[in-house]
N, C-alpha and C. Protein backbone atom coordinates (compact mmCIF):
# COMPACT_ATOMS: atom_id res chain seq x y z
N MET A 1 10.39 -16.18 -25.25
CA MET A 1 9.18 -15.52 -25.70
C MET A 1 8.61 -16.27 -26.90
N LYS A 2 7.38 -16.69 -26.78
CA LYS A 2 6.73 -17.40 -27.88
C LYS A 2 6.06 -16.39 -28.79
N GLN A 3 6.42 -16.46 -30.07
CA GLN A 3 5.83 -15.55 -31.04
C GLN A 3 4.55 -16.16 -31.58
N THR A 4 3.58 -15.31 -31.77
CA THR A 4 2.35 -15.73 -32.43
C THR A 4 2.11 -14.82 -33.61
N PHE A 5 1.59 -15.38 -34.64
CA PHE A 5 1.31 -14.64 -35.86
C PHE A 5 -0.19 -14.65 -36.09
N LYS A 6 -0.77 -13.49 -36.19
CA LYS A 6 -2.20 -13.36 -36.44
C LYS A 6 -2.41 -13.11 -37.93
N LEU A 7 -3.22 -13.95 -38.53
CA LEU A 7 -3.56 -13.79 -39.93
C LEU A 7 -5.00 -13.31 -40.02
N THR A 8 -5.25 -12.45 -40.99
CA THR A 8 -6.64 -12.08 -41.23
C THR A 8 -7.36 -13.28 -41.84
N GLU A 9 -8.65 -13.24 -41.82
CA GLU A 9 -9.44 -14.32 -42.42
C GLU A 9 -9.10 -14.48 -43.90
N ALA A 10 -8.94 -13.34 -44.58
CA ALA A 10 -8.61 -13.38 -46.01
C ALA A 10 -7.23 -14.00 -46.23
N GLN A 11 -6.25 -13.64 -45.41
CA GLN A 11 -4.92 -14.22 -45.54
C GLN A 11 -4.95 -15.72 -45.28
N GLN A 12 -5.69 -16.11 -44.25
CA GLN A 12 -5.79 -17.53 -43.91
C GLN A 12 -6.43 -18.31 -45.05
N GLN A 13 -7.50 -17.80 -45.60
CA GLN A 13 -8.18 -18.50 -46.70
C GLN A 13 -7.29 -18.58 -47.93
N GLU A 14 -6.56 -17.50 -48.21
CA GLU A 14 -5.64 -17.52 -49.37
C GLU A 14 -4.56 -18.58 -49.17
N MET A 15 -3.99 -18.64 -47.98
CA MET A 15 -2.93 -19.61 -47.71
C MET A 15 -3.45 -21.04 -47.73
N ILE A 16 -4.65 -21.25 -47.23
CA ILE A 16 -5.26 -22.58 -47.29
C ILE A 16 -5.44 -22.99 -48.75
N GLY A 17 -5.88 -22.07 -49.57
CA GLY A 17 -6.02 -22.35 -51.01
C GLY A 17 -4.68 -22.67 -51.65
N LEU A 18 -3.63 -21.95 -51.25
CA LEU A 18 -2.30 -22.22 -51.81
C LEU A 18 -1.79 -23.61 -51.39
N ILE A 19 -2.05 -23.99 -50.16
CA ILE A 19 -1.66 -25.32 -49.69
C ILE A 19 -2.41 -26.39 -50.48
N GLN A 20 -3.71 -26.18 -50.67
CA GLN A 20 -4.51 -27.14 -51.43
C GLN A 20 -4.02 -27.23 -52.88
N ASP A 21 -3.71 -26.09 -53.48
CA ASP A 21 -3.19 -26.08 -54.85
C ASP A 21 -1.85 -26.83 -54.92
N TYR A 22 -0.99 -26.59 -53.94
CA TYR A 22 0.31 -27.26 -53.93
C TYR A 22 0.13 -28.78 -53.88
N PHE A 23 -0.70 -29.25 -52.98
CA PHE A 23 -0.91 -30.70 -52.87
C PHE A 23 -1.50 -31.27 -54.15
N GLU A 24 -2.42 -30.55 -54.74
CA GLU A 24 -3.05 -31.02 -55.97
C GLU A 24 -2.05 -31.08 -57.13
N ASN A 25 -1.22 -30.04 -57.27
CA ASN A 25 -0.32 -29.93 -58.42
C ASN A 25 1.02 -30.64 -58.24
N GLU A 26 1.56 -30.62 -57.04
CA GLU A 26 2.90 -31.16 -56.83
C GLU A 26 2.90 -32.59 -56.26
N VAL A 27 1.92 -32.90 -55.46
CA VAL A 27 1.87 -34.21 -54.81
C VAL A 27 0.84 -35.11 -55.49
N ASN A 28 0.02 -34.53 -56.34
CA ASN A 28 -1.07 -35.24 -57.02
C ASN A 28 -2.00 -35.93 -56.01
N GLU A 29 -2.24 -35.22 -54.92
CA GLU A 29 -3.09 -35.74 -53.85
C GLU A 29 -3.95 -34.60 -53.35
N PRO A 30 -5.26 -34.73 -53.46
CA PRO A 30 -6.10 -33.65 -52.93
C PRO A 30 -6.02 -33.60 -51.41
N ILE A 31 -6.14 -32.41 -50.87
CA ILE A 31 -6.14 -32.22 -49.42
C ILE A 31 -7.37 -31.40 -49.08
N GLY A 32 -8.08 -31.80 -48.07
CA GLY A 32 -9.30 -31.11 -47.68
C GLY A 32 -9.03 -29.80 -46.96
N ASN A 33 -10.07 -29.05 -46.78
CA ASN A 33 -9.99 -27.74 -46.15
C ASN A 33 -9.47 -27.83 -44.71
N LEU A 34 -10.00 -28.78 -43.95
CA LEU A 34 -9.58 -28.94 -42.56
C LEU A 34 -8.11 -29.35 -42.47
N SER A 35 -7.70 -30.29 -43.30
CA SER A 35 -6.29 -30.72 -43.29
C SER A 35 -5.37 -29.58 -43.67
N ALA A 36 -5.75 -28.79 -44.67
CA ALA A 36 -4.94 -27.65 -45.07
C ALA A 36 -4.87 -26.61 -43.96
N MET A 37 -5.98 -26.40 -43.25
CA MET A 37 -6.00 -25.44 -42.14
C MET A 37 -5.09 -25.91 -41.01
N LEU A 38 -5.13 -27.21 -40.69
CA LEU A 38 -4.26 -27.74 -39.65
C LEU A 38 -2.79 -27.65 -40.04
N LEU A 39 -2.50 -27.88 -41.31
CA LEU A 39 -1.13 -27.74 -41.80
C LEU A 39 -0.67 -26.28 -41.71
N LEU A 40 -1.55 -25.36 -42.07
CA LEU A 40 -1.23 -23.93 -41.95
C LEU A 40 -0.98 -23.56 -40.49
N ASP A 41 -1.78 -24.08 -39.59
CA ASP A 41 -1.57 -23.81 -38.16
C ASP A 41 -0.20 -24.33 -37.71
N PHE A 42 0.17 -25.51 -38.19
CA PHE A 42 1.49 -26.06 -37.86
C PHE A 42 2.61 -25.16 -38.38
N PHE A 43 2.50 -24.76 -39.66
CA PHE A 43 3.52 -23.88 -40.24
C PHE A 43 3.63 -22.58 -39.45
N THR A 44 2.48 -22.01 -39.13
CA THR A 44 2.45 -20.73 -38.42
C THR A 44 3.04 -20.84 -37.03
N GLU A 45 2.73 -21.92 -36.34
CA GLU A 45 3.20 -22.07 -34.96
C GLU A 45 4.65 -22.54 -34.86
N LYS A 46 5.02 -23.50 -35.70
CA LYS A 46 6.32 -24.15 -35.55
C LYS A 46 7.40 -23.61 -36.48
N LEU A 47 7.06 -23.22 -37.69
CA LEU A 47 8.07 -22.84 -38.68
C LEU A 47 8.21 -21.34 -38.87
N ALA A 48 7.11 -20.62 -38.85
CA ALA A 48 7.14 -19.19 -39.13
C ALA A 48 8.09 -18.40 -38.22
N PRO A 49 8.14 -18.70 -36.91
CA PRO A 49 9.04 -17.92 -36.05
C PRO A 49 10.51 -17.98 -36.50
N THR A 50 10.95 -19.12 -36.98
CA THR A 50 12.33 -19.24 -37.45
C THR A 50 12.58 -18.34 -38.65
N PHE A 51 11.67 -18.36 -39.61
CA PHE A 51 11.83 -17.52 -40.80
C PHE A 51 11.72 -16.04 -40.44
N TYR A 52 10.84 -15.72 -39.53
CA TYR A 52 10.69 -14.34 -39.07
C TYR A 52 12.00 -13.86 -38.44
N ASN A 53 12.55 -14.67 -37.55
CA ASN A 53 13.80 -14.29 -36.88
C ASN A 53 14.95 -14.15 -37.86
N LEU A 54 15.00 -15.00 -38.87
CA LEU A 54 16.04 -14.85 -39.90
C LEU A 54 15.88 -13.53 -40.63
N GLY A 55 14.67 -13.14 -40.91
CA GLY A 55 14.41 -11.86 -41.57
C GLY A 55 14.83 -10.69 -40.70
N VAL A 56 14.54 -10.78 -39.41
CA VAL A 56 14.95 -9.73 -38.48
C VAL A 56 16.48 -9.64 -38.42
N GLU A 57 17.14 -10.80 -38.33
CA GLU A 57 18.61 -10.82 -38.30
C GLU A 57 19.20 -10.23 -39.57
N ASP A 58 18.64 -10.57 -40.72
CA ASP A 58 19.11 -10.03 -41.99
C ASP A 58 18.92 -8.51 -42.04
N SER A 59 17.77 -8.03 -41.57
CA SER A 59 17.51 -6.59 -41.55
C SER A 59 18.48 -5.88 -40.64
N TYR A 60 18.74 -6.47 -39.49
CA TYR A 60 19.69 -5.88 -38.53
C TYR A 60 21.09 -5.81 -39.14
N ALA A 61 21.52 -6.88 -39.76
CA ALA A 61 22.85 -6.90 -40.39
C ALA A 61 22.93 -5.87 -41.51
N TYR A 62 21.88 -5.72 -42.28
CA TYR A 62 21.84 -4.74 -43.36
C TYR A 62 21.97 -3.33 -42.81
N LEU A 63 21.18 -3.03 -41.77
CA LEU A 63 21.23 -1.69 -41.18
C LEU A 63 22.58 -1.39 -40.54
N ILE A 64 23.17 -2.37 -39.87
CA ILE A 64 24.49 -2.18 -39.29
C ILE A 64 25.51 -1.91 -40.38
N GLY A 65 25.39 -2.61 -41.48
CA GLY A 65 26.29 -2.40 -42.62
C GLY A 65 26.16 -1.02 -43.23
N LYS A 66 24.99 -0.43 -43.16
CA LYS A 66 24.75 0.90 -43.73
C LYS A 66 25.19 2.03 -42.80
N LEU A 67 25.28 1.72 -41.50
CA LEU A 67 25.63 2.78 -40.53
C LEU A 67 27.08 2.97 -40.40
């Protein structure tokens, strides 16, 4: 099952801004809006499902420990 994550326009714009800030401050390289959006799409499609699943596994283990 392929997971998809839907972001609101406000969430997407905030994350694009955070990516641009990161590149400016940490890499000392400006990144344009389109490049930041494509990077966000990559993170959302390829990386986010792994982190989501880890969170679900952690929640499951926590609940099992409490029961």
